[in-house]
């Protein structure tokens, strides 16, 4: 097993890498290098954001929350 592979604390499977610093498991648990382990929800969107550091432009993984529409959950 490689040094960067994480084992899911919930089910014990290997986690797959989505982006650098962000890994997912099939059971719904994710790991992010600055947050640690967390459970995914349906309204989470994983994306890469460009950040300028000095003269370089790097891509950092971020988590956005979907905005829900007014009539999407109408009762």
PDB file of N, CA and C in Angstrom:
ATOM      1  N   UNK A   1       0.846  -1.173   0.000  1.00  0.00           N
ATOM      2  CA  UNK A   1       0.000   0.000   0.000  1.00  0.00           C
ATOM      3  C   UNK A   1       0.891   1.236   0.000  1.00  0.00           C
ATOM      4  N   UNK A   2       0.512   2.222  -0.791  1.00  0.00           N
ATOM      5  CA  UNK A   2       1.341   3.422  -0.886  1.00  0.00           C
ATOM      6  C   UNK A   2       1.206   4.285   0.362  1.00  0.00           C
ATOM      7  N   UNK A   3       2.123   5.207   0.482  1.00  0.00           N
ATOM      8  CA  UNK A   3       2.171   6.088   1.647  1.00  0.00           C
ATOM      9  C   UNK A   3       0.941   6.992   1.724  1.00  0.00           C
ATOM     10  N   UNK A   4       0.382   7.373   0.553  1.00  0.00           N
ATOM     11  CA  UNK A   4      -0.723   8.319   0.517  1.00  0.00           C
ATOM     12  C   UNK A   4      -2.096   7.668   0.610  1.00  0.00           C
ATOM     13  N   UNK A   5      -2.177   6.347   0.593  1.00  0.00           N
ATOM     14  CA  UNK A   5      -3.476   5.683   0.664  1.00  0.00           C
ATOM     15  C   UNK A   5      -4.049   5.804   2.065  1.00  0.00           C
ATOM     16  N   UNK A   6      -5.303   6.145   2.122  1.00  0.00           N
ATOM     17  CA  UNK A   6      -6.010   6.221   3.394  1.00  0.00           C
ATOM     18  C   UNK A   6      -6.952   5.029   3.469  1.00  0.00           C
ATOM     19  N   UNK A   7      -7.176   4.536   4.660  1.00  0.00           N
ATOM     20  CA  UNK A   7      -8.131   3.473   4.907  1.00  0.00           C
ATOM     21  C   UNK A   7      -9.354   4.111   5.555  1.00  0.00           C
ATOM     22  N   UNK A   8     -10.527   3.790   5.040  1.00  0.00           N
ATOM     23  CA  UNK A   8     -11.767   4.363   5.558  1.00  0.00           C
ATOM     24  C   UNK A   8     -12.004   3.873   6.990  1.00  0.00           C
ATOM     25  N   UNK A   9     -12.242   4.791   7.935  1.00  0.00           N
ATOM     26  CA  UNK A   9     -12.504   4.361   9.310  1.00  0.00           C
ATOM     27  C   UNK A   9     -13.885   3.722   9.472  1.00  0.00           C
ATOM     28  N   UNK A  10     -14.774   3.955   8.509  1.00  0.00           N
ATOM     29  CA  UNK A  10     -16.137   3.436   8.585  1.00  0.00           C
ATOM     30  C   UNK A  10     -16.227   1.988   8.102  1.00  0.00           C
ATOM     31  N   UNK A  11     -15.663   1.695   6.910  1.00  0.00           N
ATOM     32  CA  UNK A  11     -15.826   0.357   6.322  1.00  0.00           C
ATOM     33  C   UNK A  11     -14.511  -0.400   6.146  1.00  0.00           C
ATOM     34  N   UNK A  12     -13.357   0.260   6.254  1.00  0.00           N
ATOM     35  CA  UNK A  12     -12.073  -0.415   6.151  1.00  0.00           C
ATOM     36  C   UNK A  12     -11.510  -0.544   4.746  1.00  0.00           C
ATOM     37  N   UNK A  13     -12.186   0.011   3.729  1.00  0.00           N
ATOM     38  CA  UNK A  13     -11.681  -0.045   2.351  1.00  0.00           C
ATOM     39  C   UNK A  13     -10.673   1.066   2.100  1.00  0.00           C
ATOM     40  N   UNK A  14      -9.898   0.897   1.010  1.00  0.00           N
ATOM     41  CA  UNK A  14      -8.989   1.958   0.578  1.00  0.00           C
ATOM     42  C   UNK A  14      -9.795   3.095  -0.010  1.00  0.00           C
ATOM     43  N   UNK A  15      -9.369   4.319   0.256  1.00  0.00           N
ATOM     44  CA  UNK A  15     -10.032   5.490  -0.301  1.00  0.00           C
ATOM     45  C   UNK A  15      -9.381   5.838  -1.638  1.00  0.00           C
ATOM     46  N   UNK A  16     -10.172   6.340  -2.571  1.00  0.00           N
ATOM     47  CA  UNK A  16      -9.685   6.726  -3.899  1.00  0.00           C
ATOM     48  C   UNK A  16      -9.429   8.225  -3.920  1.00  0.00           C
ATOM     49  N   UNK A  17      -8.380   8.624  -4.631  1.00  0.00           N
ATOM     50  CA  UNK A  17      -8.020  10.037  -4.692  1.00  0.00           C
ATOM     51  C   UNK A  17      -8.867  10.765  -5.730  1.00  0.00           C
ATOM     52  N   UNK A  18      -9.535  11.831  -5.297  1.00  0.00           N
ATOM     53  CA  UNK A  18     -10.315  12.682  -6.196  1.00  0.00           C
ATOM     54  C   UNK A  18      -9.415  13.791  -6.741  1.00  0.00           C
ATOM     55  N   UNK A  19      -8.819  14.557  -5.850  1.00  0.00           N
ATOM     56  CA  UNK A  19      -7.838  15.589  -6.166  1.00  0.00           C
ATOM     57  C   UNK A  19      -6.676  15.389  -5.210  1.00  0.00           C
ATOM     58  N   UNK A  20      -5.598  16.138  -5.395  1.00  0.00           N
ATOM     59  CA  UNK A  20      -4.498  16.095  -4.437  1.00  0.00           C
ATOM     60  C   UNK A  20      -5.016  16.670  -3.123  1.00  0.00           C
ATOM     61  N   UNK A  21      -4.929  15.894  -2.065  1.00  0.00           N
ATOM     62  CA  UNK A  21      -5.411  16.334  -0.760  1.00  0.00           C
ATOM     63  C   UNK A  21      -6.875  16.044  -0.503  1.00  0.00           C
ATOM     64  N   UNK A  22      -7.543  15.282  -1.388  1.00  0.00           N
ATOM     65  CA  UNK A  22      -8.958  14.954  -1.208  1.00  0.00           C
ATOM     66  C   UNK A  22      -9.194  13.523  -1.670  1.00  0.00           C
ATOM     67  N   UNK A  23      -9.684  12.675  -0.753  1.00  0.00           N
ATOM     68  CA  UNK A  23      -9.932  11.273  -1.075  1.00  0.00           C
ATOM     69  C   UNK A  23     -11.347  10.890  -0.669  1.00  0.00           C
ATOM     70  N   UNK A  24     -11.959   9.954  -1.444  1.00  0.00           N
ATOM     71  CA  UNK A  24     -13.330   9.510  -1.220  1.00  0.00           C
ATOM     72  C   UNK A  24     -13.378   8.001  -1.028  1.00  0.00           C
ATOM     73  N   UNK A  25     -14.380   7.546  -0.276  1.00  0.00           N
ATOM     74  CA  UNK A  25     -14.681   6.122  -0.134  1.00  0.00           C
ATOM     75  C   UNK A  25     -16.097   5.891  -0.659  1.00  0.00           C
ATOM     76  N   UNK A  26     -16.389   4.656  -1.054  1.00  0.00           N
ATOM     77  CA  UNK A  26     -17.708   4.331  -1.601  1.00  0.00           C
ATOM     78  C   UNK A  26     -18.820   4.457  -0.560  1.00  0.00           C
ATOM     79  N   UNK A  27     -18.484   4.351   0.711  1.00  0.00           N
ATOM     80  CA  UNK A  27     -19.517   4.365   1.754  1.00  0.00           C
ATOM     81  C   UNK A  27     -19.986   5.775   2.122  1.00  0.00           C
ATOM     82  N   UNK A  28     -19.373   6.827   1.554  1.00  0.00           N
ATOM     83  CA  UNK A  28     -19.837   8.189   1.825  1.00  0.00           C
ATOM     84  C   UNK A  28     -18.933   8.988   2.742  1.00  0.00           C
ATOM     85  N   UNK A  29     -17.773   8.453   3.092  1.00  0.00           N
ATOM     86  CA  UNK A  29     -16.808   9.167   3.928  1.00  0.00           C
ATOM     87  C   UNK A  29     -15.727   9.744   3.023  1.00  0.00           C
ATOM     88  N   UNK A  30     -15.283  10.955   3.330  1.00  0.00           N
ATOM     89  CA  UNK A  30     -14.200  11.592   2.585  1.00  0.00           C
ATOM     90  C   UNK A  30     -13.134  12.067   3.552  1.00  0.00           C
ATOM     91  N   UNK A  31     -11.952  12.364   3.012  1.00  0.00           N
ATOM     92  CA  UNK A  31     -10.847  12.887   3.802  1.00  0.00           C
ATOM     93  C   UNK A  31     -10.228  14.048   3.045  1.00  0.00           C
ATOM     94  N   UNK A  32     -10.079  15.191   3.726  1.00  0.00           N
ATOM     95  CA  UNK A  32      -9.424  16.356   3.141  1.00  0.00           C
ATOM     96  C   UNK A  32      -8.280  16.723   4.071  1.00  0.00           C
ATOM     97  N   UNK A  33      -7.131  17.091   3.492  1.00  0.00           N
ATOM     98  CA  UNK A  33      -5.913  17.255   4.286  1.00  0.00           C
ATOM     99  C   UNK A  33      -6.045  18.279   5.399  1.00  0.00           C
ATOM    100  N   UNK A  34      -6.843  19.321   5.246  1.00  0.00           N
ATOM    101  CA  UNK A  34      -6.954  20.324   6.305  1.00  0.00           C
ATOM    102  C   UNK A  34      -8.151  20.096   7.227  1.00  0.00           C
ATOM    103  N   UNK A  35      -9.109  19.236   6.825  1.00  0.00           N
ATOM    104  CA  UNK A  35     -10.311  18.991   7.626  1.00  0.00           C
ATOM    105  C   UNK A  35     -10.298  17.640   8.329  1.00  0.00           C
ATOM    106  N   UNK A  36      -9.634  16.660   7.737  1.00  0.00           N
ATOM    107  CA  UNK A  36      -9.679  15.308   8.262  1.00  0.00           C
ATOM    108  C   UNK A  36     -10.851  14.546   7.645  1.00  0.00           C
ATOM    109  N   UNK A  37     -11.389  13.545   8.369  1.00  0.00           N
ATOM    110  CA  UNK A  37     -12.486  12.724   7.858  1.00  0.00           C
ATOM    111  C   UNK A  37     -13.821  13.440   8.056  1.00  0.00           C
ATOM    112  N   UNK A  38     -14.719  13.303   7.073  1.00  0.00           N
ATOM    113  CA  UNK A  38     -16.063  13.864   7.183  1.00  0.00           C
ATOM    114  C   UNK A  38     -17.003  13.064   6.292  1.00  0.00           C
ATOM    115  N   UNK A  39     -18.301  13.188   6.559  1.00  0.00           N
ATOM    116  CA  UNK A  39     -19.310  12.481   5.773  1.00  0.00           C
ATOM    117  C   UNK A  39     -19.842  13.403   4.683  1.00  0.00           C
ATOM    118  N   UNK A  40     -19.925  12.875   3.454  1.00  0.00           N
ATOM    119  CA  UNK A  40     -20.426  13.671   2.334  1.00  0.00           C
ATOM    120  C   UNK A  40     -21.948  13.759   2.377  1.00  0.00           C
ATOM    121  N   UNK A  41     -22.454  14.884   1.870  1.00  0.00           N
ATOM    122  CA  UNK A  41     -23.896  15.057   1.710  1.00  0.00           C
ATOM    123  C   UNK A  41     -24.186  15.333   0.237  1.00  0.00           C
ATOM    124  N   UNK A  42     -25.443  15.287  -0.142  1.00  0.00           N
ATOM    125  CA  UNK A  42     -25.828  15.467  -1.546  1.00  0.00           C
ATOM    126  C   UNK A  42     -25.610  16.883  -2.048  1.00  0.00           C
ATOM    127  N   UNK A  43     -25.555  17.866  -1.155  1.00  0.00           N
ATOM    128  CA  UNK A  43     -25.417  19.251  -1.600  1.00  0.00           C
ATOM    129  C   UNK A  43     -23.965  19.717  -1.683  1.00  0.00           C
ATOM    130  N   UNK A  44     -22.999  18.828  -1.464  1.00  0.00           N
ATOM    131  CA  UNK A  44     -21.578  19.192  -1.562  1.00  0.00           C
ATOM    132  C   UNK A  44     -21.101  19.081  -3.007  1.00  0.00           C
ATOM    133  N   UNK A  45     -20.325  20.086  -3.443  1.00  0.00           N
ATOM    134  CA  UNK A  45     -19.721  20.083  -4.774  1.00  0.00           C
ATOM    135  C   UNK A  45     -18.221  20.239  -4.579  1.00  0.00           C
ATOM    136  N   UNK A  46     -17.449  19.307  -5.118  1.00  0.00           N
ATOM    137  CA  UNK A  46     -15.996  19.345  -4.994  1.00  0.00           C
ATOM    138  C   UNK A  46     -15.421  19.955  -6.263  1.00  0.00           C
ATOM    139  N   UNK A  47     -14.531  20.945  -6.098  1.00  0.00           N
ATOM    140  CA  UNK A  47     -13.986  21.657  -7.256  1.00  0.00           C
ATOM    141  C   UNK A  47     -12.548  22.072  -6.970  1.00  0.00           C
ATOM    142  N   UNK A  48     -11.863  22.488  -8.024  1.00  0.00           N
ATOM    143  CA  UNK A  48     -10.521  23.044  -7.894  1.00  0.00           C
ATOM    144  C   UNK A  48     -10.605  24.552  -8.096  1.00  0.00           C
ATOM    145  N   UNK A  49      -9.979  25.297  -7.187  1.00  0.00           N
ATOM    146  CA  UNK A  49      -9.963  26.753  -7.285  1.00  0.00           C
ATOM    147  C   UNK A  49      -8.538  27.202  -7.549  1.00  0.00           C
ATOM    148  N   UNK A  50      -8.374  28.123  -8.492  1.00  0.00           N
ATOM    149  CA  UNK A  50      -7.045  28.651  -8.805  1.00  0.00           C
ATOM    150  C   UNK A  50      -6.662  29.713  -7.783  1.00  0.00           C
ATOM    151  N   UNK A  51      -5.461  29.555  -7.210  1.00  0.00           N
ATOM    152  CA  UNK A  51      -4.953  30.493  -6.218  1.00  0.00           C
ATOM    153  C   UNK A  51      -3.575  30.940  -6.667  1.00  0.00           C
ATOM    154  N   UNK A  52      -3.351  32.248  -6.684  1.00  0.00           N
ATOM    155  CA  UNK A  52      -2.052  32.772  -7.088  1.00  0.00           C
ATOM    156  C   UNK A  52      -1.174  32.897  -5.846  1.00  0.00           C
ATOM    157  N   UNK A  53      -0.046  32.185  -5.860  1.00  0.00           N
ATOM    158  CA  UNK A  53       0.915  32.213  -4.759  1.00  0.00           C
ATOM    159  C   UNK A  53       2.218  32.726  -5.340  1.00  0.00           C
ATOM    160  N   UNK A  54       2.546  33.984  -5.037  1.00  0.00           N
ATOM    161  CA  UNK A  54       3.717  34.607  -5.648  1.00  0.00           C
ATOM    162  C   UNK A  54       3.470  34.775  -7.133  1.00  0.00           C
ATOM    163  N   UNK A  55       4.341  34.185  -7.950  1.00  0.00           N
ATOM    164  CA  UNK A  55       4.157  34.232  -9.402  1.00  0.00           C
ATOM    165  C   UNK A  55       3.447  32.997  -9.933  1.00  0.00           C
ATOM    166  N   UNK A  56       3.336  31.962  -9.101  1.00  0.00           N
ATOM    167  CA  UNK A  56       2.736  30.706  -9.543  1.00  0.00           C
ATOM    168  C   UNK A  56       1.226  30.711  -9.321  1.00  0.00           C
ATOM    169  N   UNK A  57       0.525  29.978 -10.168  1.00  0.00           N
ATOM    170  CA  UNK A  57      -0.909  29.760 -10.005  1.00  0.00           C
ATOM    171  C   UNK A  57      -1.101  28.285  -9.682  1.00  0.00           C
ATOM    172  N   UNK A  58      -1.639  27.996  -8.485  1.00  0.00           N
ATOM    173  CA  UNK A  58      -1.864  26.619  -8.062  1.00  0.00           C
ATOM    174  C   UNK A  58      -3.356  26.351  -7.973  1.00  0.00           C
ATOM    175  N   UNK A  59      -3.726  25.085  -8.075  1.00  0.00           N
ATOM    176  CA  UNK A  59      -5.117  24.684  -7.925  1.00  0.00           C
ATOM    177  C   UNK A  59      -5.292  24.008  -6.579  1.00  0.00           C
ATOM    178  N   UNK A  60      -6.224  24.513  -5.779  1.00  0.00           N
ATOM    179  CA  UNK A  60      -6.490  23.982  -4.452  1.00  0.00           C
ATOM    180  C   UNK A  60      -7.895  23.387  -4.432  1.00  0.00           C
ATOM    181  N   UNK A  61      -8.070  22.192  -3.838  1.00  0.00           N
ATOM    182  CA  UNK A  61      -9.417  21.620  -3.762  1.00  0.00           C
ATOM    183  C   UNK A  61     -10.271  22.386  -2.752  1.00  0.00           C
ATOM    184  N   UNK A  62     -11.515  22.669  -3.124  1.00  0.00           N
ATOM    185  CA  UNK A  62     -12.455  23.335  -2.226  1.00  0.00           C
ATOM    186  C   UNK A  62     -13.772  22.570  -2.248  1.00  0.00           C
ATOM    187  N   UNK A  63     -14.584  22.805  -1.230  1.00  0.00           N
ATOM    188  CA  UNK A  63     -15.907  22.201  -1.144  1.00  0.00           C
ATOM    189  C   UNK A  63     -16.919  23.337  -1.137  1.00  0.00           C
ATOM    190  N   UNK A  64     -17.839  23.294  -2.090  1.00  0.00           N
ATOM    191  CA  UNK A  64     -18.906  24.292  -2.157  1.00  0.00           C
ATOM    192  C   UNK A  64     -20.220  23.620  -1.794  1.00  0.00           C
ATOM    193  N   UNK A  65     -21.141  24.409  -1.293  1.00  0.00           N
ATOM    194  CA  UNK A  65     -22.481  23.919  -0.983  1.00  0.00           C
ATOM    195  C   UNK A  65     -23.422  24.416  -2.073  1.00  0.00           C
ATOM    196  N   UNK A  66     -24.200  23.498  -2.660  1.00  0.00           N
ATOM    197  CA  UNK A  66     -25.147  23.866  -3.721  1.00  0.00           C
ATOM    198  C   UNK A  66     -26.221  24.769  -3.145  1.00  0.00           C
ATOM    199  N   UNK A  67     -26.568  25.790  -3.910  1.00  0.00           N
ATOM    200  CA  UNK A  67     -27.697  26.643  -3.545  1.00  0.00           C
ATOM    201  C   UNK A  67     -28.962  25.913  -3.972  1.00  0.00           C
ATOM    202  N   UNK A  68     -29.921  25.802  -3.077  1.00  0.00           N
ATOM    203  CA  UNK A  68     -31.144  25.147  -3.511  1.00  0.00           C
ATOM    204  C   UNK A  68     -32.125  26.183  -4.046  1.00  0.00           C
ATOM    205  N   UNK A  69     -32.858  25.767  -5.057  1.00  0.00           N
ATOM    206  CA  UNK A  69     -33.797  26.656  -5.730  1.00  0.00           C
ATOM    207  C   UNK A  69     -35.066  26.792  -4.904  1.00  0.00           C
ATOM    208  N   UNK A  70     -35.780  27.873  -5.124  1.00  0.00           N
ATOM    209  CA  UNK A  70     -37.010  28.153  -4.379  1.00  0.00           C
ATOM    210  C   UNK A  70     -38.039  27.033  -4.547  1.00  0.00           C
ATOM    211  N   UNK A  71     -38.269  26.599  -5.791  1.00  0.00           N
ATOM    212  CA  UNK A  71     -39.327  25.620  -6.051  1.00  0.00           C
ATOM    213  C   UNK A  71     -38.828  24.180  -6.061  1.00  0.00           C
ATOM    214  N   UNK A  72     -37.558  23.957  -5.745  1.00  0.00           N
ATOM    215  CA  UNK A  72     -36.997  22.601  -5.804  1.00  0.00           C
ATOM    216  C   UNK A  72     -37.604  21.697  -4.736  1.00  0.00           C
ATOM    217  N   UNK A  73     -37.799  22.222  -3.534  1.00  0.00           N
ATOM    218  CA  UNK A  73     -38.323  21.420  -2.431  1.00  0.00           C
ATOM    219  C   UNK A  73     -39.699  21.918  -1.994  1.00  0.00           C
ATOM    220  N   UNK A  74     -40.490  22.377  -2.914  1.00  0.00           N
ATOM    221  CA  UNK A  74     -41.821  22.894  -2.574  1.00  0.00           C
ATOM    222  C   UNK A  74     -42.687  21.759  -2.035  1.00  0.00           C
ATOM    223  N   UNK A  75     -43.419  22.088  -0.989  1.00  0.00           N
ATOM    224  CA  UNK A  75     -44.291  21.078  -0.370  1.00  0.00           C
ATOM    225  C   UNK A  75     -45.734  21.324  -0.710  1.00  0.00           C
TER     226      UNK A  75
END
